[in-house]
Amino acid sequence: MAKLNVRNRNKGQFYKNGKPKPANWEYRFETAKIDGKRTSVSKAGFSTKAQAQSAGIAAMASYENAGLAFKPSDISVSDYFDYWIKNYCLVNISDSTLTGYRNIINNHLKPRIGQYKLKSITTLILQEMINDIYVTHGFTKNFMKNILKVLKGSFRYAKVTAKLITDNPAEDVVLPTISNNHKKDDDLIILTKDKIKTILDRFQKSPSTYYAILTAYYTGFRVSEVYGLTWDCIDFENKTITINKISKKIEKDGKYSDGKVKRGIRGKATTRWYFGSCKTPSSYRTINVGESLLAALKEYKEWQEANEIRYNEYYTKHYLKEEITETNHKVFRIIHIQDNGIDIPYTRTFPVFIKENGEYHGSDPIKYASKVINYELGINFNFHALRHTHATMLIEAGIPVKAVSERLGHGNVRTTLETYVHVTKTMREDAANKFEEFGSLETSGTIINFCDQKRNRTAAAQ
């Protein structure tokens, strides 16, 4: 093991006026030879010997563990989660997924098992923790699946990649099967036409929300895709809408929320809205749309143009500034400016779904709308229900699943089939019934039967 040396570099050193120079302690230790030559690590600038020794010991520990800031055998679960976020999540997952993982870790996992050593965690400890989270909070099964996904993924990395543990205690952990009546699972919500009409009637006086809901119903777009639309995405002549970006909410310092800051106060918002990359390569797509939606959007666009003239210098305009997120993804911050009397060094953008005065709030307005629909109208609703409804109607109308998959931006047909298995099952049964009706080989009420024909021929021959 390397030996740590500490010395005062200014010992016996004086200024020109004869005054002694202040202490400048340095630590140094030798490292492995490179090309046969001796190498070392050193750092100076410490005011006391104790400070230099403490820093030197930490640096040596990091060196002995190939750069790790901890001893693999002693790392706590809390420190390991931080390590996993930094070394895996930041370079492998999207910004929105990162904030979800951080919230789960900080709010649910660290408070329960963060103080234990990573090597001491067992399957029983993790299973009891999952059970306790479910019983205590009554989370939906979908959210519980996300917690389990973080747990399994992080411990798998600890075993397979980081090799900090020999076994993965999370591998056999399962979700509890007990029922919980406090919250419903986020099952597929399919809305009837009557319910869609009721919802639209309620928001007739809120154009931005009204047209956003209408667009989602006619296209099946995700909420981030709907609010990522700008007017140049809509081709009225060729009757198409293109998805080439999504809306994102990111913290002011470039990081997604860690779960501690819930919201800002008016004038002191902690987040900003951005346009960023789509969820997957297949999410980039251009779909055809009908006259009903195009006519409505054209009317909405004319309303916005009239508002800009009416509000004049008080109309909010939007410009894009390129930035890089914590996960090293390029995004464009949406800057809001009212006074157009100054030179703006950025490109102006025209979001589709904005307030009467031009303000853009991303998908935040749909949160209020969802509460109104659920509690005032009494309709079980979330924005994704519009996507499910659109897809279900297409499949039930006999549109090929591949075409539906491409329209939804799914990576493959299998995703569509698994998501809408309730529809495809009905269609399979319907297919059998229809074939029974149109493909029947019955003659005079009796099906042609090979065995019966054979027995008849044998009897005749006798």
Protein backbone atom coordinates (compact mmCIF):
# COMPACT_ATOMS: atom_id res chain seq x y z
CA MET A 1 0.00 0.00 0.00
CA ALA A 2 1.21 3.51 -0.84
CA LYS A 3 2.68 5.66 1.96
CA LEU A 4 1.26 9.10 2.65
CA ASN A 5 3.75 11.95 3.08
CA VAL A 6 2.77 15.37 4.41
CA ARG A 7 5.00 18.47 4.43
CA ASN A 8 4.81 22.24 4.80
CA ARG A 9 6.03 23.64 1.50
CA ASN A 10 6.55 27.10 2.98
CA LYS A 11 8.63 25.93 5.93
CA GLY A 12 11.58 28.32 6.26
CA GLN A 13 10.23 30.56 3.45
CA PHE A 14 10.03 34.33 3.93
CA TYR A 15 8.72 37.34 2.04
CA LYS A 16 11.15 40.07 0.97
CA ASN A 17 10.18 42.11 4.03
CA GLY A 18 11.37 39.28 6.26
CA LYS A 19 7.90 38.14 7.27
CA PRO A 20 7.49 34.31 7.22
CA LYS A 21 5.14 32.91 4.59
CA PRO A 22 1.92 31.25 5.86
CA ALA A 23 1.80 27.47 6.10
CA ASN A 24 1.12 25.61 2.84
CA TRP A 25 0.70 21.95 3.67
CA GLU A 26 0.83 19.32 0.94
CA TYR A 27 0.08 15.61 0.81
CA ARG A 28 1.78 13.21 -1.62
CA PHE A 29 1.79 9.46 -2.22
CA GLU A 30 3.25 7.24 -4.92
CA THR A 31 1.02 5.46 -7.44
CA ALA A 32 1.63 2.58 -9.84
CA LYS A 33 4.49 3.05 -12.28
CA ILE A 34 3.71 4.01 -15.87
CA ASP A 35 6.23 2.90 -18.52
CA GLY A 36 8.56 1.99 -15.67
CA LYS A 37 8.59 5.52 -14.29
CA ARG A 38 7.50 6.48 -10.79
CA THR A 39 4.33 8.55 -10.53
CA SER A 40 2.59 10.24 -7.64
CA VAL A 41 -0.53 12.13 -6.58
CA SER A 42 -0.21 15.36 -4.62
CA LYS A 43 -2.19 18.41 -3.58
CA ALA A 44 -1.15 21.52 -1.69
CA GLY A 45 -2.85 24.60 -0.28
CA PHE A 46 -3.93 23.28 3.13
CA SER A 47 -3.48 25.65 6.07
CA THR A 48 -2.92 22.91 8.66
CA LYS A 49 -1.18 19.56 8.77
CA ALA A 50 -4.38 17.86 9.94
CA GLN A 51 -6.30 19.11 6.91
CA ALA A 52 -3.62 17.80 4.54
CA GLN A 53 -3.55 14.41 6.27
CA SER A 54 -7.33 14.06 6.19
CA ALA A 55 -7.54 14.95 2.51
CA GLY A 56 -4.58 12.70 1.72
CA ILE A 57 -6.14 9.70 3.44
CA ALA A 58 -9.37 10.20 1.47
CA ALA A 59 -7.43 10.53 -1.78
CA MET A 60 -5.46 7.36 -1.04
CA ALA A 61 -8.66 5.46 -0.25
CA SER A 62 -10.11 6.60 -3.56
CA TYR A 63 -6.91 5.58 -5.37
CA GLU A 64 -6.79 2.15 -3.73
CA ASN A 65 -10.37 1.56 -4.93
CA ALA A 66 -9.62 2.64 -8.51
CA GLY A 67 -11.27 6.03 -8.14
CA LEU A 68 -14.22 5.02 -5.99
CA ALA A 69 -14.91 7.41 -3.14
CA PHE A 70 -15.81 4.50 -0.85
CA LYS A 71 -14.74 1.03 0.17
CA PRO A 72 -16.92 -1.45 -1.75
CA SER A 73 -17.35 -3.58 1.36
CA ASP A 74 -18.62 -0.70 3.50
CA ILE A 75 -20.78 1.39 1.16
CA SER A 76 -24.25 2.22 2.48
CA VAL A 77 -27.38 1.74 0.40
CA SER A 78 -27.91 5.51 0.40
CA ASP A 79 -24.41 6.20 -0.99
CA TYR A 80 -24.81 3.38 -3.48
CA PHE A 81 -28.04 4.87 -4.85
CA ASP A 82 -26.17 8.16 -5.39
CA TYR A 83 -23.41 6.23 -7.14
CA TRP A 84 -25.95 4.43 -9.38
CA ILE A 85 -27.67 7.68 -10.32
CA LYS A 86 -24.35 9.29 -11.26
CA ASN A 87 -22.73 6.36 -13.06
CA TYR A 88 -25.72 4.69 -14.70
CA CYS A 89 -28.82 6.86 -14.78
CA LEU A 90 -27.22 10.11 -15.91
CA VAL A 91 -25.83 8.46 -19.04
CA ASN A 92 -28.52 5.90 -19.86
CA ILE A 93 -31.99 7.29 -19.19
CA SER A 94 -34.07 10.31 -20.18
CA ASP A 95 -34.52 13.44 -18.08
CA SER A 96 -38.12 12.63 -17.17
CA THR A 97 -37.23 9.06 -16.15
CA LEU A 98 -34.36 10.41 -14.05
CA THR A 99 -36.63 12.65 -12.02
CA GLY A 100 -39.00 9.74 -11.42
CA TYR A 101 -36.14 7.54 -10.20
CA ARG A 102 -34.84 10.28 -7.90
CA ASN A 103 -38.26 10.85 -6.39
CA ILE A 104 -38.68 7.13 -5.68
CA ILE A 105 -35.21 6.83 -4.16
CA ASN A 106 -35.38 9.99 -2.02
CA ASN A 107 -38.97 9.64 -0.88
CA HIS A 108 -39.39 5.89 -0.44
CA LEU A 109 -36.16 3.86 -0.56
CA LYS A 110 -33.53 5.91 1.28
CA PRO A 111 -35.76 6.63 4.31
CA ARG A 112 -36.34 2.90 4.77
CA ILE A 113 -33.06 1.16 3.87
CA GLY A 114 -30.56 3.95 3.15
CA GLN A 115 -28.70 3.56 6.45
CA TYR A 116 -27.89 -0.14 5.96
CA LYS A 117 -24.75 -1.47 4.31
CA LEU A 118 -25.36 -2.60 0.75
CA LYS A 119 -23.88 -6.03 1.43
CA SER A 120 -26.27 -6.56 4.37
CA ILE A 121 -29.49 -6.18 2.36
CA THR A 122 -31.49 -9.38 1.90
CA THR A 123 -34.49 -10.35 -0.18
CA LEU A 124 -36.60 -10.49 2.99
CA ILE A 125 -35.71 -6.89 3.91
CA LEU A 126 -36.65 -5.64 0.44
CA GLN A 127 -39.88 -7.66 0.31
CA GLU A 128 -40.99 -6.32 3.69
CA MET A 129 -40.18 -2.80 2.52
CA ILE A 130 -42.26 -3.18 -0.65
CA ASN A 131 -45.16 -4.58 1.36
CA ASP A 132 -44.94 -1.70 3.85
CA ILE A 133 -44.91 0.95 1.10
CA TYR A 134 -47.99 -0.58 -0.49
CA VAL A 135 -49.92 -0.95 2.75
CA THR A 136 -48.93 2.45 4.15
CA HIS A 137 -49.54 4.57 1.06
CA GLY A 138 -51.97 2.53 -1.01
CA PHE A 139 -50.16 3.44 -4.23
CA THR A 140 -51.45 2.15 -7.55
CA LYS A 141 -49.99 -1.04 -8.95
CA ASN A 142 -48.38 0.93 -11.76
CA PHE A 143 -46.49 3.15 -9.32
CA MET A 144 -45.50 0.12 -7.26
CA LYS A 145 -44.14 -1.43 -10.45
CA ASN A 146 -41.98 1.66 -10.93
CA ILE A 147 -40.61 1.36 -7.39
CA LEU A 148 -39.82 -2.30 -7.99
CA LYS A 149 -38.19 -1.40 -11.32
CA VAL A 150 -35.81 1.03 -9.60
CA LEU A 151 -35.05 -1.50 -6.89
CA LYS A 152 -34.32 -4.37 -9.27
CA GLY A 153 -32.37 -2.21 -11.72
CA SER A 154 -30.12 -0.64 -9.10
CA PHE A 155 -29.30 -3.91 -7.34
CA ARG A 156 -28.74 -5.69 -10.65
CA TYR A 157 -26.17 -3.00 -11.55
CA ALA A 158 -24.53 -3.46 -8.14
CA LYS A 159 -24.09 -7.18 -8.82
CA VAL A 160 -23.46 -7.42 -12.56
CA THR A 161 -21.61 -4.22 -13.44
CA ALA A 162 -20.20 -2.69 -10.26
CA LYS A 163 -19.67 -6.14 -8.65
CA LEU A 164 -20.22 -4.70 -5.19
CA ILE A 165 -22.37 -7.66 -4.17
CA THR A 166 -22.32 -11.33 -5.16
CA ASP A 167 -26.10 -11.84 -5.22
CA ASN A 168 -29.02 -9.64 -6.25
CA PRO A 169 -31.45 -9.58 -3.29
CA ALA A 170 -34.05 -7.70 -5.36
CA GLU A 171 -34.30 -10.37 -8.04
CA ASP A 172 -37.02 -12.40 -6.31
CA VAL A 173 -38.96 -9.50 -4.76
CA VAL A 174 -42.57 -9.39 -5.97
CA LEU A 175 -45.48 -7.00 -5.68
CA PRO A 176 -48.05 -7.80 -3.00
CA THR A 177 -51.35 -9.18 -4.23
CA ILE A 178 -53.54 -7.83 -1.42
CA SER A 179 -56.35 -5.54 -2.48
CA ASN A 180 -56.41 -1.88 -1.58
CA ASN A 181 -59.60 0.12 -1.88
CA HIS A 182 -58.05 3.53 -1.30
CA LYS A 183 -56.77 4.02 -4.83
CA LYS A 184 -57.55 2.52 -8.18
CA ASP A 185 -54.92 1.21 -10.54
CA ASP A 186 -54.27 3.22 -13.65
CA ASP A 187 -56.08 0.78 -15.91
CA LEU A 188 -57.00 1.61 -19.46
CA ILE A 189 -59.76 4.20 -19.48
CA ILE A 190 -61.88 4.10 -22.63
CA LEU A 191 -64.22 7.07 -23.05
CA THR A 192 -67.51 6.93 -24.92
CA LYS A 193 -68.41 9.55 -27.53
CA ASP A 194 -71.02 10.97 -25.17
CA LYS A 195 -68.41 11.46 -22.44
CA ILE A 196 -66.03 13.11 -24.92
CA LYS A 197 -68.80 15.53 -25.92
CA THR A 198 -69.57 16.26 -22.26
CA ILE A 199 -65.93 17.05 -21.59
CA LEU A 200 -65.60 19.30 -24.62
CA ASP A 201 -68.82 21.15 -23.76
CA ARG A 202 -67.41 21.90 -20.30
CA PHE A 203 -64.31 23.60 -21.74
CA GLN A 204 -65.93 25.59 -24.53
CA LYS A 205 -64.82 28.79 -22.78
CA SER A 206 -61.22 27.57 -22.33
CA PRO A 207 -59.96 27.32 -25.93
CA SER A 208 -56.42 26.12 -25.15
CA THR A 209 -57.74 23.19 -23.09
CA TYR A 210 -60.66 22.51 -25.43
CA TYR A 211 -58.49 22.21 -28.55
CA ALA A 212 -55.78 20.23 -26.75
CA ILE A 213 -58.35 17.61 -25.70
CA LEU A 214 -59.89 17.61 -29.17
CA THR A 215 -56.47 17.10 -30.79
CA ALA A 216 -55.58 14.21 -28.47
CA TYR A 217 -58.92 12.52 -29.20
CA TYR A 218 -58.47 12.75 -32.98
CA THR A 219 -54.77 11.79 -33.03
CA GLY A 220 -53.96 9.62 -30.01
CA PHE A 221 -50.93 11.80 -29.19
CA ARG A 222 -49.28 11.63 -25.76
CA VAL A 223 -49.74 14.68 -23.52
CA SER A 224 -46.10 15.74 -24.02
CA GLU A 225 -46.56 15.42 -27.79
CA VAL A 226 -49.75 17.49 -27.80
CA TYR A 227 -48.14 20.33 -25.88
CA GLY A 228 -44.96 20.00 -27.93
CA LEU A 229 -46.85 20.96 -31.09
CA THR A 230 -46.06 24.22 -32.85
CA TRP A 231 -48.02 25.59 -35.78
CA ASP A 232 -45.34 24.54 -38.28
CA CYS A 233 -46.11 20.90 -37.31
CA ILE A 234 -49.60 21.19 -38.81
CA ASP A 235 -49.87 20.98 -42.60
CA PHE A 236 -53.38 22.14 -43.49
CA GLU A 237 -52.80 21.58 -47.20
CA ASN A 238 -51.60 17.98 -46.98
CA LYS A 239 -53.82 17.23 -43.97
CA THR A 240 -51.05 15.95 -41.71
CA ILE A 241 -49.62 16.62 -38.26
CA THR A 242 -45.96 15.90 -37.48
CA ILE A 243 -44.52 14.97 -34.10
CA ASN A 244 -40.88 16.10 -33.99
CA LYS A 245 -40.48 17.19 -30.33
CA ILE A 246 -42.17 17.06 -26.93
CA SER A 247 -42.67 19.50 -24.06
CA LYS A 248 -40.61 19.05 -20.89
CA LYS A 249 -40.53 20.73 -17.49
CA ILE A 250 -37.03 21.10 -16.03
CA GLU A 251 -35.71 22.74 -12.85
CA LYS A 252 -34.06 26.17 -13.22
CA ASP A 253 -30.58 24.79 -12.53
CA GLY A 254 -30.97 22.32 -15.39
CA LYS A 255 -31.92 19.41 -13.17
CA TYR A 256 -35.25 17.71 -12.77
CA SER A 257 -36.93 17.90 -9.38
CA ASP A 258 -35.46 15.72 -6.62
CA GLY A 259 -38.88 15.42 -5.04
CA LYS A 260 -38.18 17.99 -2.30
CA VAL A 261 -39.42 21.08 -4.15
CA LYS A 262 -43.10 20.59 -4.91
CA ARG A 263 -43.90 23.88 -6.59
CA GLY A 264 -42.85 27.51 -6.80
CA ILE A 265 -44.80 30.59 -5.81
CA ARG A 266 -46.08 33.13 -8.28
CA GLY A 267 -43.18 35.10 -9.74
CA LYS A 268 -40.65 32.65 -8.35
CA ALA A 269 -41.22 29.50 -10.37
CA THR A 270 -38.69 26.74 -9.78
CA THR A 271 -39.18 25.15 -13.20
CA ARG A 272 -39.11 26.12 -16.86
CA TRP A 273 -40.69 24.64 -19.96
CA TYR A 274 -38.58 23.23 -22.77
CA PHE A 275 -38.96 21.52 -26.13
CA GLY A 276 -36.91 18.33 -26.28
CA SER A 277 -36.43 15.03 -28.07
CA CYS A 278 -39.25 12.53 -28.44
CA LYS A 279 -39.61 9.47 -26.27
CA THR A 280 -38.28 6.96 -28.84
CA PRO A 281 -37.19 7.02 -32.51
CA SER A 282 -40.59 5.62 -33.49
CA SER A 283 -42.26 8.57 -31.75
CA TYR A 284 -41.10 10.82 -34.57
CA ARG A 285 -43.92 10.49 -37.07
CA THR A 286 -46.33 12.22 -39.41
CA ILE A 287 -49.96 11.14 -39.37
CA ASN A 288 -52.93 11.98 -41.54
CA VAL A 289 -55.88 13.73 -39.94
CA GLY A 290 -59.42 14.43 -41.09
CA GLU A 291 -61.26 17.60 -41.97
CA SER A 292 -63.03 17.85 -38.60
CA LEU A 293 -59.84 18.42 -36.60
CA LEU A 294 -58.19 20.55 -39.28
CA ALA A 295 -61.18 22.87 -39.50
CA ALA A 296 -61.23 23.26 -35.73
CA LEU A 297 -57.49 23.98 -35.54
CA LYS A 298 -57.70 26.47 -38.38
CA GLU A 299 -60.42 28.32 -36.49
CA TYR A 300 -58.27 28.21 -33.33
CA LYS A 301 -55.24 29.59 -35.22
CA GLU A 302 -57.25 32.52 -36.58
CA TRP A 303 -58.45 33.27 -33.03
CA GLN A 304 -54.83 33.38 -31.82
CA GLU A 305 -53.74 35.68 -34.65
CA ALA A 306 -56.58 38.07 -33.84
CA ASN A 307 -55.58 38.04 -30.16
CA GLU A 308 -52.00 38.99 -30.99
CA ILE A 309 -53.23 42.05 -32.85
CA ARG A 310 -55.69 42.95 -30.09
CA TYR A 311 -53.22 42.58 -27.20
CA ASN A 312 -50.45 44.28 -29.18
CA GLU A 313 -47.34 44.87 -26.96
CA TYR A 314 -48.96 42.97 -24.09
CA TYR A 315 -49.16 39.76 -26.09
CA THR A 316 -46.71 37.10 -24.88
CA LYS A 317 -44.33 35.78 -27.50
CA HIS A 318 -42.01 32.79 -27.24
CA TYR A 319 -38.39 32.24 -28.25
CA LEU A 320 -36.09 29.21 -28.10
CA LYS A 321 -32.73 29.11 -26.33
CA GLU A 322 -30.57 26.00 -26.71
CA GLU A 323 -29.38 24.38 -23.48
CA ILE A 324 -27.91 21.04 -22.30
CA THR A 325 -29.62 19.08 -19.53
CA GLU A 326 -28.01 17.18 -16.67
CA THR A 327 -28.28 13.97 -18.72
CA ASN A 328 -26.45 15.68 -21.60
CA HIS A 329 -29.51 16.02 -23.81
CA LYS A 330 -30.01 19.06 -26.00
CA VAL A 331 -33.21 20.97 -25.26
CA PHE A 332 -34.65 24.36 -26.13
CA ARG A 333 -35.83 26.57 -23.30
CA ILE A 334 -39.02 28.48 -24.08
CA ILE A 335 -38.45 32.13 -23.20
CA HIS A 336 -41.55 34.30 -22.64
CA ILE A 337 -41.34 37.94 -23.71
CA GLN A 338 -44.10 40.55 -24.03
CA ASP A 339 -42.31 43.68 -25.23
CA ASN A 340 -41.24 43.20 -28.83
CA GLY A 341 -39.50 46.57 -28.94
CA ILE A 342 -36.14 44.96 -28.14
CA ASP A 343 -33.89 42.78 -30.25
CA ILE A 344 -34.23 39.10 -29.37
CA PRO A 345 -31.19 36.94 -30.29
CA TYR A 346 -33.30 33.79 -30.43
CA THR A 347 -35.71 32.20 -32.90
CA ARG A 348 -39.39 32.78 -32.26
CA THR A 349 -41.59 29.71 -31.87
CA PHE A 350 -45.37 29.38 -32.07
CA PRO A 351 -46.81 26.83 -29.60
CA VAL A 352 -50.26 25.64 -30.59
CA PHE A 353 -51.91 25.50 -27.18
CA ILE A 354 -51.61 28.87 -25.46
CA LYS A 355 -53.76 31.24 -23.41
CA GLU A 356 -55.71 34.15 -24.89
CA ASN A 357 -52.83 36.54 -24.16
CA GLY A 358 -50.30 34.16 -25.70
CA GLU A 359 -48.94 32.64 -22.47
CA TYR A 360 -47.63 29.07 -22.72
CA HIS A 361 -47.81 26.90 -19.59
CA GLY A 362 -46.91 23.55 -21.10
CA SER A 363 -49.21 20.76 -19.99
CA ASP A 364 -49.94 22.30 -16.57
CA PRO A 365 -53.47 23.45 -17.57
CA ILE A 366 -54.55 19.85 -18.13
CA LYS A 367 -53.99 19.11 -14.41
CA TYR A 368 -56.82 21.45 -13.47
CA ALA A 369 -58.94 20.15 -16.34
CA SER A 370 -58.48 16.56 -15.14
CA LYS A 371 -59.71 17.49 -11.66
CA VAL A 372 -62.77 19.18 -13.14
CA ILE A 373 -63.56 16.17 -15.32
CA ASN A 374 -63.13 13.67 -12.47
CA TYR A 375 -64.84 15.55 -9.64
CA GLU A 376 -67.23 17.99 -11.29
CA LEU A 377 -68.32 15.92 -14.27
CA GLY A 378 -67.90 12.58 -12.48
CA ILE A 379 -66.01 11.03 -15.41
CA ASN A 380 -63.06 8.75 -14.70
CA PHE A 381 -60.36 10.53 -16.68
CA ASN A 382 -56.69 11.11 -17.30
CA PHE A 383 -55.20 12.64 -20.43
CA HIS A 384 -53.83 9.28 -21.56
CA ALA A 385 -57.44 8.04 -21.73
CA LEU A 386 -57.81 10.06 -24.93
CA ARG A 387 -54.95 8.10 -26.47
CA HIS A 388 -56.46 4.79 -25.34
CA THR A 389 -59.86 5.79 -26.68
CA HIS A 390 -58.41 6.77 -30.05
CA ALA A 391 -56.51 3.50 -30.41
CA THR A 392 -59.43 1.35 -29.29
CA MET A 393 -61.78 2.96 -31.79
CA LEU A 394 -59.32 2.38 -34.61
CA ILE A 395 -58.82 -1.29 -33.76
CA GLU A 396 -62.55 -1.89 -33.34
CA ALA A 397 -63.12 -0.21 -36.71
CA GLY A 398 -60.96 -2.91 -38.29
CA ILE A 399 -57.84 -0.81 -38.95
CA PRO A 400 -54.78 -3.11 -39.15
CA VAL A 401 -52.85 -3.20 -35.88
CA LYS A 402 -49.60 -2.27 -37.65
CA ALA A 403 -51.19 0.94 -38.93
CA VAL A 404 -52.50 1.73 -35.45
CA SER A 405 -49.05 1.04 -33.97
CA GLU A 406 -47.37 3.45 -36.39
CA ARG A 407 -49.98 6.12 -35.72
CA LEU A 408 -49.43 5.85 -31.96
CA GLY A 409 -45.65 5.92 -32.32
CA HIS A 410 -45.13 2.49 -30.75
CA GLY A 411 -41.78 0.83 -31.28
CA ASN A 412 -43.38 -2.37 -32.52
CA VAL A 413 -46.74 -4.03 -33.05
CA ARG A 414 -46.27 -6.18 -29.95
CA THR A 415 -46.57 -3.11 -27.70
CA THR A 416 -49.88 -2.23 -29.31
CA LEU A 417 -51.20 -5.78 -29.03
CA GLU A 418 -50.23 -6.09 -25.37
CA THR A 419 -51.67 -2.68 -24.48
CA TYR A 420 -54.98 -3.24 -26.21
CA VAL A 421 -55.33 -6.97 -25.62
CA HIS A 422 -58.93 -6.47 -24.44
CA VAL A 423 -59.81 -5.12 -27.89
CA THR A 424 -57.86 -7.66 -29.91
CA LYS A 425 -59.39 -10.51 -27.89
CA THR A 426 -62.87 -9.28 -28.80
CA MET A 427 -61.80 -8.97 -32.44
CA ARG A 428 -60.43 -12.52 -32.45
CA GLU A 429 -63.74 -13.83 -31.15
CA ASP A 430 -65.59 -11.70 -33.69
CA ALA A 431 -63.36 -13.06 -36.45
CA ALA A 432 -64.27 -16.62 -35.50
CA ASN A 433 -67.97 -15.80 -35.48
CA LYS A 434 -67.82 -14.02 -38.81
CA PHE A 435 -65.93 -16.89 -40.43
CA GLU A 436 -68.46 -19.27 -38.99
CA GLU A 437 -71.11 -17.21 -40.74
CA PHE A 438 -69.46 -16.55 -44.09
CA GLY A 439 -67.11 -19.51 -44.42
CA SER A 440 -69.43 -22.28 -43.36
CA LEU A 441 -69.33 -25.49 -45.40
CA GLU A 442 -72.75 -26.60 -44.24
CA THR A 443 -75.12 -27.93 -46.92
CA SER A 444 -78.83 -28.03 -46.18
CA GLY A 445 -78.13 -27.46 -42.53
CA THR A 446 -75.59 -30.30 -42.33
CA ILE A 447 -71.84 -29.73 -42.39
CA ILE A 448 -69.82 -31.81 -44.86
CA ASN A 449 -68.22 -34.49 -42.71
CA PHE A 450 -65.50 -36.80 -44.08
CA CYS A 451 -66.14 -39.51 -41.50
CA ASP A 452 -69.87 -39.56 -42.21
CA GLN A 453 -69.23 -39.84 -45.96
CA LYS A 454 -66.87 -42.75 -45.38
CA ARG A 455 -69.39 -44.57 -43.20
CA ASN A 456 -72.12 -44.00 -45.82
CA ARG A 457 -69.95 -45.45 -48.58
CA THR A 458 -69.11 -48.51 -46.45
CA ALA A 459 -72.77 -49.15 -45.65
CA ALA A 460 -73.76 -48.85 -49.32
CA ALA A 461 -71.08 -51.30 -50.35
CA GLN A 462 -72.38 -53.87 -47.87
